[in-house]
Amino acid sequence: MTSHKLSVQVAINSWRLVVERADKLFSSLTEDDLLKEVAPGRNRLIYLWGHLTAIHDAMFPILGLGERLHPELFRGRMVAAALRNVRGRLCQRSDPEPIGCSAESN
């Protein structure tokens, strides 16, 4: 296994671990917990969970892991801006060219 492939595998494994931890955390919360603001005047936990879910789903095509499972989650400017930021950072690297950075994918 090349160092690049190993790095990719480590990143994917880390991503899956974080998703599992987030799932365990959010699944243990009550509906009342999910409706609490994270700070006064800030987003509620349910919004943050939805945002994380939409971003996670949208990462599949960026990372070359397949199509989105739930494209209906990809709505709103915040999610679109976050994905452009992620894609922009990935595409700044040049060796090797990251998946999804070719002219036709932008």
Protein backbone atom coordinates (compact mmCIF):
# COMPACT_ATOMS: atom_id res chain seq x y z
CA MET A 1 0.00 0.00 0.00
CA THR A 2 1.44 3.38 -0.99
CA SER A 3 1.70 6.19 1.54
CA HIS A 4 -1.03 8.09 -0.33
CA LYS A 5 -3.44 5.14 -0.18
CA LEU A 6 -2.59 4.61 3.48
CA SER A 7 -3.31 8.27 4.23
CA VAL A 8 -6.65 8.02 2.44
CA GLN A 9 -7.55 4.87 4.37
CA VAL A 10 -6.62 6.50 7.69
CA ALA A 11 -8.73 9.57 6.83
CA ILE A 12 -11.75 7.44 5.88
CA ASN A 13 -11.44 5.33 9.02
CA SER A 14 -11.21 8.47 11.14
CA TRP A 15 -14.24 9.94 9.37
CA ARG A 16 -16.26 6.79 10.07
CA LEU A 17 -15.21 6.81 13.73
CA VAL A 18 -16.33 10.42 14.15
CA VAL A 19 -19.65 9.67 12.44
CA GLU A 20 -20.22 6.70 14.78
CA ARG A 21 -19.44 8.84 17.83
CA ALA A 22 -21.77 11.62 16.67
CA ASP A 23 -24.51 9.07 15.98
CA LYS A 24 -24.11 7.62 19.46
CA LEU A 25 -24.22 11.09 21.04
CA PHE A 26 -27.22 12.41 19.11
CA SER A 27 -29.17 9.15 19.36
CA SER A 28 -28.96 9.28 23.13
CA LEU A 29 -30.57 12.74 23.33
CA THR A 30 -34.23 13.36 24.01
CA GLU A 31 -36.41 15.53 21.79
CA ASP A 32 -36.22 18.28 24.43
CA ASP A 33 -32.41 18.05 24.40
CA LEU A 34 -32.35 18.41 20.61
CA LEU A 35 -34.50 21.55 20.80
CA LYS A 36 -32.08 23.33 23.18
CA GLU A 37 -29.94 26.14 21.85
CA VAL A 38 -26.20 25.47 22.03
CA ALA A 39 -25.82 29.00 23.44
CA PRO A 40 -28.32 31.82 23.97
CA GLY A 41 -29.54 33.01 20.57
CA ARG A 42 -27.63 30.27 18.73
CA ASN A 43 -28.65 27.24 16.68
CA ARG A 44 -30.43 24.32 18.26
CA LEU A 45 -28.84 20.88 18.47
CA ILE A 46 -31.34 19.50 15.95
CA TYR A 47 -30.11 22.04 13.37
CA LEU A 48 -26.47 21.13 14.01
CA TRP A 49 -27.26 17.44 13.66
CA GLY A 50 -29.04 18.09 10.36
CA HIS A 51 -26.16 20.22 9.11
CA LEU A 52 -23.61 17.51 9.99
CA THR A 53 -25.78 14.91 8.27
CA ALA A 54 -26.08 16.98 5.08
CA ILE A 55 -22.34 17.70 4.98
CA HIS A 56 -21.48 14.05 5.64
CA ASP A 57 -23.76 12.91 2.82
CA ALA A 58 -22.36 15.51 0.43
CA MET A 59 -18.78 14.37 1.09
CA PHE A 60 -19.33 11.05 -0.71
CA PRO A 61 -18.96 12.45 -4.25
CA ILE A 62 -16.19 14.86 -3.22
CA LEU A 63 -14.13 11.98 -1.86
CA GLY A 64 -15.00 9.69 -4.75
CA LEU A 65 -16.96 7.27 -2.56
CA GLY A 66 -20.13 7.33 -4.64
CA GLU A 67 -23.20 9.48 -5.04
CA ARG A 68 -25.10 11.20 -2.25
CA LEU A 69 -27.56 8.96 -0.47
CA HIS A 70 -29.89 11.85 0.39
CA PRO A 71 -29.51 14.75 -2.08
CA GLU A 72 -32.68 16.30 -0.65
CA LEU A 73 -30.61 17.23 2.43
CA PHE A 74 -28.43 19.53 0.34
CA ARG A 75 -30.44 22.70 0.67
CA GLY A 76 -29.45 26.05 1.95
CA ARG A 77 -26.60 28.43 1.51
CA MET A 78 -24.67 27.35 4.57
CA VAL A 79 -24.25 23.76 3.39
CA ALA A 80 -23.31 24.88 -0.12
CA ALA A 81 -20.73 27.35 1.23
CA ALA A 82 -19.22 24.73 3.53
CA LEU A 83 -18.84 22.28 0.65
CA ARG A 84 -17.27 24.90 -1.62
CA ASN A 85 -14.79 25.61 1.18
CA VAL A 86 -13.94 21.91 1.56
CA ARG A 87 -13.61 21.40 -2.20
CA GLY A 88 -11.48 24.55 -2.51
CA ARG A 89 -9.08 23.34 0.16
CA LEU A 90 -8.82 19.89 -1.40
CA CYS A 91 -8.25 21.28 -4.87
CA GLN A 92 -5.40 23.55 -3.73
CA ARG A 93 -3.29 20.41 -3.42
CA SER A 94 -1.77 19.22 -6.65
CA ASP A 95 0.02 15.90 -6.06
CA PRO A 96 -1.96 13.82 -6.81
CA GLU A 97 -4.98 15.79 -7.99
CA PRO A 98 -7.80 15.23 -5.48
CA ILE A 99 -11.00 13.59 -6.69
CA GLY A 100 -13.60 16.10 -7.84
CA CYS A 101 -11.12 18.85 -8.76
CA SER A 102 -11.15 18.49 -12.52
CA ALA A 103 -12.67 21.30 -14.56
CA GLU A 104 -15.80 19.30 -15.39
CA SER A 105 -16.58 18.63 -11.69
CA ASN A 106 -16.60 22.32 -10.67
